[in-house]
Amino acid sequence: MDGTATTSEASQTEPKTGWGGSVIEPVSMEVIQEAARTIAGVARNTPLVPLRSYGLPEESLGIHLKLEMLQDVGSFKIRGVHNWLSHLTHAERAAGLNTHSAGNTAQALGYAALRFGCKAKTLVPDRTPQAKLDAIHRYGVDTVPVSMDDLLDFIFAAGWTEQPEAYLNPWGDPLMIAGNATVAVEILQERPDLDSLFVPMGGGGLVAGVGSAIRALNSSCRVVAVQVDSCQALSGALEAGGPVWVEMGDSLSDISLPVVVDELYPLLESVVDEVITVQEDELRDAVRMLAVENKVVAEGAGALALAGALQVGRDHRGDTACIVSGGSMDPATLADVLNH
């Protein structure tokens, strides 16, 4: 042997970028409309309001904010979670619910589980902010902290298949993605000629859902995914022509993942027109602008879309909407952002 690894040997050392599931297809409008009916009365049709900035007229900015932090659970996640849970059988609900989450999915799962009388638990990254952990516990959800490496190992080994509970995959369940898509439907009901929709990029479930709805209802509207500089998984995948692992550093936005999964990549590639990367200071500026000038408390991920939109001139982006996806901000962190 000359020491050169064979193809099969090399493949064994390459990190997985998926769990071996089927490619996730774009969500049809029929399925999205059914999801909208299912979540009516549970998820709010949140306000779409103009962005304000001291000294500038609203029309000069041309940005509207979809305030998903006003959902009862503080994020858009209740849309997809309730839609998924509503389709489970009584026996599946009785077995309990399980997911993996940086906080907002788990909160939504706990909220929905209380409505259905189910027990719920979640794997959480051990870097999850305390404010989100406290909120998860208030909904009665049991948390199992794990390292990000262990969490990703669980996902790529499809570890949920060995557990008795009904498992919600936040990025890979079509019913979850269909619920997410209803955000875009509501935006286009108010602004049917929208030119650009800016969406925070984490695992990709929100981008996939709203992108599917935009393609069906207003194909000329540009879908712009916004990622943090410390974790450029989506742009890395698009440049490489498929999922690749990237470095992931600390960020005020705690939804980032170091890889876009195989199962979701084709859908994201088909619905995303542009990816914008923001620096931490730009993200902090967006959180501050929302809080001080617009009286909107957004978590880091919740301000990500606005941070991206503020990088782009009005002439390029046109009439714009930004999804403020959540508001679970630790008070001490918020104070630090506002004071610096």
Protein backbone atom coordinates (compact mmCIF):
# COMPACT_ATOMS: atom_id res chain seq x y z
CA MET A 1 0.00 0.00 0.00
CA ASP A 2 1.35 3.45 -0.88
CA GLY A 3 -0.59 5.21 1.89
CA THR A 4 -3.03 6.91 -0.49
CA ALA A 5 -6.62 6.65 0.75
CA THR A 6 -9.09 4.94 -1.54
CA THR A 7 -12.32 6.69 -2.49
CA SER A 8 -14.31 4.56 -0.06
CA GLU A 9 -11.82 5.23 2.75
CA ALA A 10 -11.86 8.95 2.10
CA SER A 11 -15.65 9.07 2.04
CA GLN A 12 -15.75 7.53 5.49
CA THR A 13 -13.87 10.51 6.89
CA GLU A 14 -15.97 13.18 5.18
CA PRO A 15 -18.52 14.77 7.53
CA LYS A 16 -22.14 14.15 6.72
CA THR A 17 -24.26 16.99 5.38
CA GLY A 18 -27.63 15.25 5.68
CA TRP A 19 -29.47 12.41 7.37
CA GLY A 20 -30.26 10.47 4.21
CA GLY A 21 -33.84 11.66 3.86
CA SER A 22 -35.77 12.62 0.76
CA VAL A 23 -35.18 15.99 -0.86
CA ILE A 24 -37.73 18.49 0.42
CA GLU A 25 -39.95 19.78 -2.36
CA PRO A 26 -41.34 23.32 -2.64
CA VAL A 27 -44.57 23.68 -0.69
CA SER A 28 -47.64 24.10 -2.90
CA MET A 29 -50.11 26.93 -2.37
CA GLU A 30 -52.81 24.36 -1.65
CA VAL A 31 -50.78 23.03 1.29
CA ILE A 32 -49.90 26.56 2.44
CA GLN A 33 -53.54 27.63 2.36
CA GLU A 34 -54.52 24.54 4.34
CA ALA A 35 -51.84 25.46 6.89
CA ALA A 36 -53.25 28.99 7.14
CA ARG A 37 -56.68 27.58 7.95
CA THR A 38 -55.20 25.16 10.48
CA ILE A 39 -53.31 27.81 12.45
CA ALA A 40 -56.06 30.44 12.34
CA GLY A 41 -56.94 31.48 15.87
CA VAL A 42 -53.62 30.21 17.24
CA ALA A 43 -51.05 32.16 15.24
CA ARG A 44 -51.65 35.88 14.86
CA ASN A 45 -51.72 37.75 11.58
CA THR A 46 -48.99 40.04 12.87
CA PRO A 47 -48.71 43.72 11.89
CA LEU A 48 -46.68 44.87 8.91
CA VAL A 49 -45.46 48.32 9.90
CA PRO A 50 -43.12 50.88 8.29
CA LEU A 51 -39.60 51.19 9.63
CA ARG A 52 -38.95 54.53 11.28
CA SER A 53 -35.66 56.33 11.66
CA TYR A 54 -35.19 59.67 13.36
CA GLY A 55 -35.08 62.52 10.89
CA LEU A 56 -36.03 60.46 7.84
CA PRO A 57 -39.48 60.14 6.23
CA GLU A 58 -40.82 56.59 6.17
CA GLU A 59 -41.15 56.60 2.39
CA SER A 60 -37.43 57.30 1.96
CA LEU A 61 -36.59 54.02 3.69
CA GLY A 62 -39.15 51.88 1.90
CA ILE A 63 -38.90 49.10 4.51
CA HIS A 64 -41.75 47.40 6.32
CA LEU A 65 -41.35 45.14 9.33
CA LYS A 66 -43.33 41.93 9.79
CA LEU A 67 -43.51 41.77 13.59
CA GLU A 68 -43.47 38.04 14.31
CA MET A 69 -42.14 38.69 17.82
CA LEU A 70 -45.75 39.63 18.64
CA GLN A 71 -46.86 35.99 18.41
CA ASP A 72 -47.93 34.60 21.79
CA VAL A 73 -44.71 32.59 21.96
CA GLY A 74 -42.54 35.47 20.78
CA SER A 75 -41.62 34.10 17.33
CA PHE A 76 -42.94 32.87 14.00
CA LYS A 77 -42.31 29.27 15.03
CA ILE A 78 -45.83 28.71 16.36
CA ARG A 79 -47.08 28.70 12.77
CA GLY A 80 -45.19 25.60 11.69
CA VAL A 81 -45.26 23.83 15.04
CA HIS A 82 -49.02 24.06 15.44
CA ASN A 83 -49.56 23.00 11.84
CA TRP A 84 -47.36 19.92 12.37
CA LEU A 85 -48.89 19.00 15.72
CA SER A 86 -52.43 19.33 14.35
CA HIS A 87 -51.70 16.58 11.84
CA LEU A 88 -50.49 14.01 14.39
CA THR A 89 -52.76 11.20 15.49
CA HIS A 90 -53.99 10.93 19.07
CA ALA A 91 -51.60 8.01 19.63
CA GLU A 92 -48.63 9.99 18.32
CA ARG A 93 -49.43 12.91 20.61
CA ALA A 94 -49.87 10.59 23.58
CA ALA A 95 -46.34 9.26 23.04
CA GLY A 96 -44.97 12.74 23.67
CA LEU A 97 -43.22 15.29 21.50
CA ASN A 98 -39.55 15.88 20.82
CA THR A 99 -37.44 18.31 18.78
CA HIS A 100 -34.07 20.04 18.64
CA SER A 101 -34.00 23.79 19.05
CA ALA A 102 -31.96 26.85 19.95
CA GLY A 103 -35.01 28.07 21.83
CA ASN A 104 -37.87 29.35 19.71
CA THR A 105 -39.01 26.03 18.23
CA ALA A 106 -38.97 24.49 21.70
CA GLN A 107 -41.02 27.36 23.13
CA ALA A 108 -43.57 26.99 20.35
CA LEU A 109 -43.65 23.23 20.84
CA GLY A 110 -44.30 23.70 24.57
CA TYR A 111 -47.06 26.21 23.89
CA ALA A 112 -48.74 23.93 21.37
CA ALA A 113 -48.24 20.87 23.58
CA LEU A 114 -50.11 22.57 26.41
CA ARG A 115 -53.05 23.20 24.07
CA PHE A 116 -53.14 19.53 23.08
CA GLY A 117 -52.31 18.13 26.52
CA CYS A 118 -49.00 16.57 25.44
CA LYS A 119 -45.62 16.25 27.08
CA ALA A 120 -42.62 17.69 25.25
CA LYS A 121 -38.84 17.70 25.43
CA THR A 122 -36.05 19.15 23.32
CA LEU A 123 -32.35 18.92 22.70
CA VAL A 124 -30.82 22.37 23.06
CA PRO A 125 -27.33 23.59 22.12
CA ASP A 126 -25.36 24.23 25.28
CA ARG A 127 -24.78 27.82 24.11
CA THR A 128 -28.51 28.63 24.15
CA PRO A 129 -29.12 31.96 25.95
CA GLN A 130 -30.56 31.66 29.45
CA ALA A 131 -33.56 33.81 28.52
CA LYS A 132 -34.62 31.22 25.95
CA LEU A 133 -34.01 28.32 28.34
CA ASP A 134 -36.14 30.02 30.99
CA ALA A 135 -38.92 30.56 28.47
CA ILE A 136 -38.77 26.91 27.34
CA HIS A 137 -39.10 25.73 30.92
CA ARG A 138 -42.08 28.01 31.54
CA TYR A 139 -43.95 26.06 28.88
CA GLY A 140 -43.17 22.81 30.69
CA VAL A 141 -40.68 21.49 28.14
CA ASP A 142 -37.84 19.32 29.40
CA THR A 143 -34.46 20.41 28.02
CA VAL A 144 -31.45 18.22 27.27
CA PRO A 145 -28.37 20.44 26.73
CA VAL A 146 -25.80 19.04 24.30
CA SER A 147 -22.79 20.40 22.46
CA MET A 148 -23.33 21.58 18.91
CA ASP A 149 -21.19 18.67 17.68
CA ASP A 150 -23.37 16.16 19.53
CA LEU A 151 -26.53 17.83 18.29
CA LEU A 152 -25.38 17.64 14.69
CA ASP A 153 -24.31 14.02 15.17
CA PHE A 154 -27.83 13.27 16.41
CA ILE A 155 -29.37 14.97 13.39
CA PHE A 156 -27.16 13.35 10.77
CA ALA A 157 -27.60 9.93 12.34
CA ALA A 158 -31.41 10.45 12.33
CA GLY A 159 -31.26 9.78 16.05
CA TRP A 160 -34.96 10.53 16.45
CA THR A 161 -35.79 7.19 14.82
CA GLU A 162 -34.59 5.47 18.00
CA GLN A 163 -36.80 7.54 20.30
CA PRO A 164 -40.44 6.85 21.16
CA GLU A 165 -41.76 10.40 20.87
CA ALA A 166 -43.17 12.11 17.79
CA TYR A 167 -40.23 14.08 16.43
CA LEU A 168 -40.42 17.52 14.83
CA ASN A 169 -37.56 18.37 12.51
CA PRO A 170 -37.50 22.20 12.47
CA TRP A 171 -35.86 22.39 9.04
CA GLY A 172 -36.96 19.18 7.37
CA ASP A 173 -40.67 18.73 8.03
CA PRO A 174 -42.92 19.85 5.16
CA LEU A 175 -45.77 20.75 7.54
CA MET A 176 -43.43 22.99 9.52
CA ILE A 177 -42.24 24.66 6.32
CA ALA A 178 -45.84 25.12 5.14
CA GLY A 179 -46.71 26.88 8.38
CA ASN A 180 -43.67 29.14 7.99
CA ALA A 181 -44.84 30.03 4.48
CA THR A 182 -47.95 31.72 5.84
CA VAL A 183 -45.77 34.66 6.94
CA ALA A 184 -45.16 35.54 3.29
CA VAL A 185 -48.83 35.07 2.37
CA GLU A 186 -49.82 37.68 4.95
CA ILE A 187 -47.13 40.10 3.77
CA LEU A 188 -48.26 39.86 0.16
CA GLN A 189 -51.90 40.33 1.15
CA GLU A 190 -50.91 43.82 2.31
CA ARG A 191 -48.18 44.56 -0.23
CA PRO A 192 -48.88 42.41 -3.32
CA ASP A 193 -46.32 44.27 -5.44
CA LEU A 194 -43.46 43.82 -2.97
CA ASP A 195 -40.03 43.97 -4.61
CA SER A 196 -37.82 42.33 -1.96
CA LEU A 197 -38.33 40.15 1.10
CA PHE A 198 -35.41 39.87 3.53
CA VAL A 199 -35.39 36.71 5.67
CA PRO A 200 -33.07 35.59 8.50
CA MET A 201 -31.11 32.45 7.70
CA GLY A 202 -30.64 29.79 10.36
CA GLY A 203 -31.39 26.17 9.52
CA GLY A 204 -33.33 27.35 6.46
CA GLY A 205 -36.90 26.38 7.32
CA LEU A 206 -38.23 29.95 7.29
CA VAL A 207 -36.41 30.83 4.06
CA ALA A 208 -37.72 27.66 2.41
CA GLY A 209 -41.30 28.32 3.46
CA VAL A 210 -41.59 32.00 2.59
CA GLY A 211 -39.57 31.43 -0.57
CA SER A 212 -42.06 28.79 -1.73
CA ALA A 213 -44.97 31.18 -1.16
CA ILE A 214 -43.22 34.09 -2.90
CA ARG A 215 -42.45 31.99 -5.96
CA ALA A 216 -46.12 31.00 -6.20
CA LEU A 217 -47.69 34.40 -5.54
CA ASN A 218 -45.22 37.03 -6.79
CA SER A 219 -42.34 35.51 -8.73
CA SER A 220 -40.84 38.94 -9.43
CA CYS A 221 -40.26 39.54 -5.70
CA ARG A 222 -36.66 38.86 -4.70
CA VAL A 223 -36.03 36.59 -1.73
CA VAL A 224 -32.91 37.71 0.14
CA ALA A 225 -31.50 35.42 2.83
CA VAL A 226 -29.42 37.16 5.48
CA GLN A 227 -26.65 35.32 7.31
CA VAL A 228 -24.06 36.40 9.89
CA ASP A 229 -20.42 36.82 8.96
CA SER A 230 -19.40 34.30 11.62
CA CYS A 231 -21.35 31.48 9.92
CA GLN A 232 -21.68 31.66 6.14
CA ALA A 233 -23.22 28.27 5.48
CA LEU A 234 -25.72 29.29 2.79
CA SER A 235 -23.36 31.38 0.68
CA GLY A 236 -20.73 28.67 1.07
CA ALA A 237 -23.14 26.02 -0.20
CA LEU A 238 -24.29 28.12 -3.15
CA GLU A 239 -20.70 28.89 -4.16
CA ALA A 240 -19.70 25.22 -3.87
CA GLY A 241 -22.80 23.95 -5.65
CA GLY A 242 -23.89 21.92 -2.63
CA PRO A 243 -23.72 21.72 1.17
CA VAL A 244 -20.31 22.29 2.77
CA TRP A 245 -19.23 22.68 6.36
CA VAL A 246 -18.11 26.18 7.37
CA GLU A 247 -16.58 27.71 10.44
CA MET A 248 -19.07 28.98 13.02
CA GLY A 249 -18.21 31.67 15.54
CA ASP A 250 -20.14 33.40 18.29
CA SER A 251 -22.86 35.83 17.27
CA LEU A 252 -25.72 37.85 18.70
CA SER A 253 -27.80 35.74 16.32
CA ASP A 254 -27.91 32.26 17.86
CA ILE A 255 -29.77 30.45 15.07
CA SER A 256 -26.81 29.78 12.78
CA LEU A 257 -25.70 26.30 11.77
CA PRO A 258 -22.38 25.38 10.15
CA VAL A 259 -23.95 23.48 7.27
CA VAL A 260 -27.04 23.58 5.06
CA VAL A 261 -28.46 20.06 4.97
CA ASP A 262 -28.64 18.01 1.78
CA GLU A 263 -32.37 17.53 2.09
CA LEU A 264 -33.12 21.27 2.12
CA TYR A 265 -30.38 22.65 -0.13
CA PRO A 266 -32.15 22.16 -3.51
CA LEU A 267 -35.23 24.02 -2.27
CA LEU A 268 -33.17 26.88 -0.86
CA GLU A 269 -31.18 27.12 -4.07
CA SER A 270 -34.40 27.40 -6.06
CA VAL A 271 -36.05 30.14 -3.98
CA VAL A 272 -33.16 32.37 -2.84
CA ASP A 273 -32.19 35.20 -5.16
CA GLU A 274 -29.40 36.67 -3.07
CA VAL A 275 -27.51 36.10 0.17
CA ILE A 276 -26.33 39.04 2.24
CA THR A 277 -23.80 38.71 5.03
CA VAL A 278 -23.83 41.08 8.00
CA GLN A 279 -21.13 41.91 10.53
CA GLU A 280 -21.78 41.81 14.27
CA ASP A 281 -21.70 45.60 14.61
CA GLU A 282 -24.29 45.90 11.86
CA LEU A 283 -26.50 43.38 13.62
CA ARG A 284 -26.19 45.21 16.92
CA ASP A 285 -27.01 48.49 15.17
CA ALA A 286 -30.20 46.92 13.78
CA VAL A 287 -31.26 45.65 17.22
CA ARG A 288 -30.65 49.14 18.61
CA MET A 289 -32.56 50.83 15.77
CA LEU A 290 -35.55 48.57 16.30
CA ALA A 291 -35.61 49.13 20.05
CA VAL A 292 -34.86 52.84 20.26
CA GLU A 293 -36.46 54.24 17.13
CA ASN A 294 -39.26 51.73 16.54
CA LYS A 295 -40.03 50.45 20.08
CA VAL A 296 -39.56 46.87 18.88
CA VAL A 297 -37.57 44.40 20.97
CA ALA A 298 -35.96 41.84 18.68
CA GLU A 299 -33.47 39.10 19.42
CA GLY A 300 -30.31 38.99 17.34
CA ALA A 301 -31.82 36.66 14.75
CA GLY A 302 -34.96 38.79 14.73
CA ALA A 303 -32.98 41.84 13.62
CA LEU A 304 -30.93 39.94 11.05
CA ALA A 305 -33.21 40.65 8.08
CA LEU A 306 -33.25 44.39 8.81
CA ALA A 307 -29.47 44.46 9.22
CA GLY A 308 -29.23 43.01 5.73
CA ALA A 309 -31.76 45.36 4.17
CA LEU A 310 -29.98 48.41 5.58
CA GLN A 311 -26.90 47.42 3.57
CA VAL A 312 -28.78 47.72 0.28
CA GLY A 313 -29.83 50.97 -1.35
CA ARG A 314 -33.51 51.67 -1.94
CA ASP A 315 -32.90 51.84 -5.70
CA HIS A 316 -31.72 48.22 -5.69
CA ARG A 317 -34.14 46.60 -3.25
CA GLY A 318 -37.31 48.61 -4.00
CA ASP A 319 -40.35 48.17 -1.76
CA THR A 320 -39.02 45.94 0.99
CA ALA A 321 -40.28 43.79 3.85
CA CYS A 322 -38.14 42.36 6.63
CA ILE A 323 -39.27 39.51 8.88
CA VAL A 324 -38.61 40.30 12.54
CA SER A 325 -38.66 36.62 13.39
CA GLY A 326 -38.45 36.64 17.21
CA GLY A 327 -37.99 38.63 20.37
CA SER A 328 -36.40 36.34 22.95
CA MET A 329 -33.62 38.70 23.97
CA ASP A 330 -31.88 38.33 27.31
CA PRO A 331 -32.38 41.61 29.26
CA ALA A 332 -28.68 41.90 30.10
CA THR A 333 -27.70 41.38 26.46
CA LEU A 334 -30.25 43.95 25.31
CA ALA A 335 -28.93 46.45 27.84
CA ASP A 336 -25.39 45.88 26.60
CA VAL A 337 -26.45 46.45 22.98
CA LEU A 338 -28.35 49.62 23.84
CA ASN A 339 -25.52 51.05 25.92
CA HIS A 340 -22.78 50.44 23.37
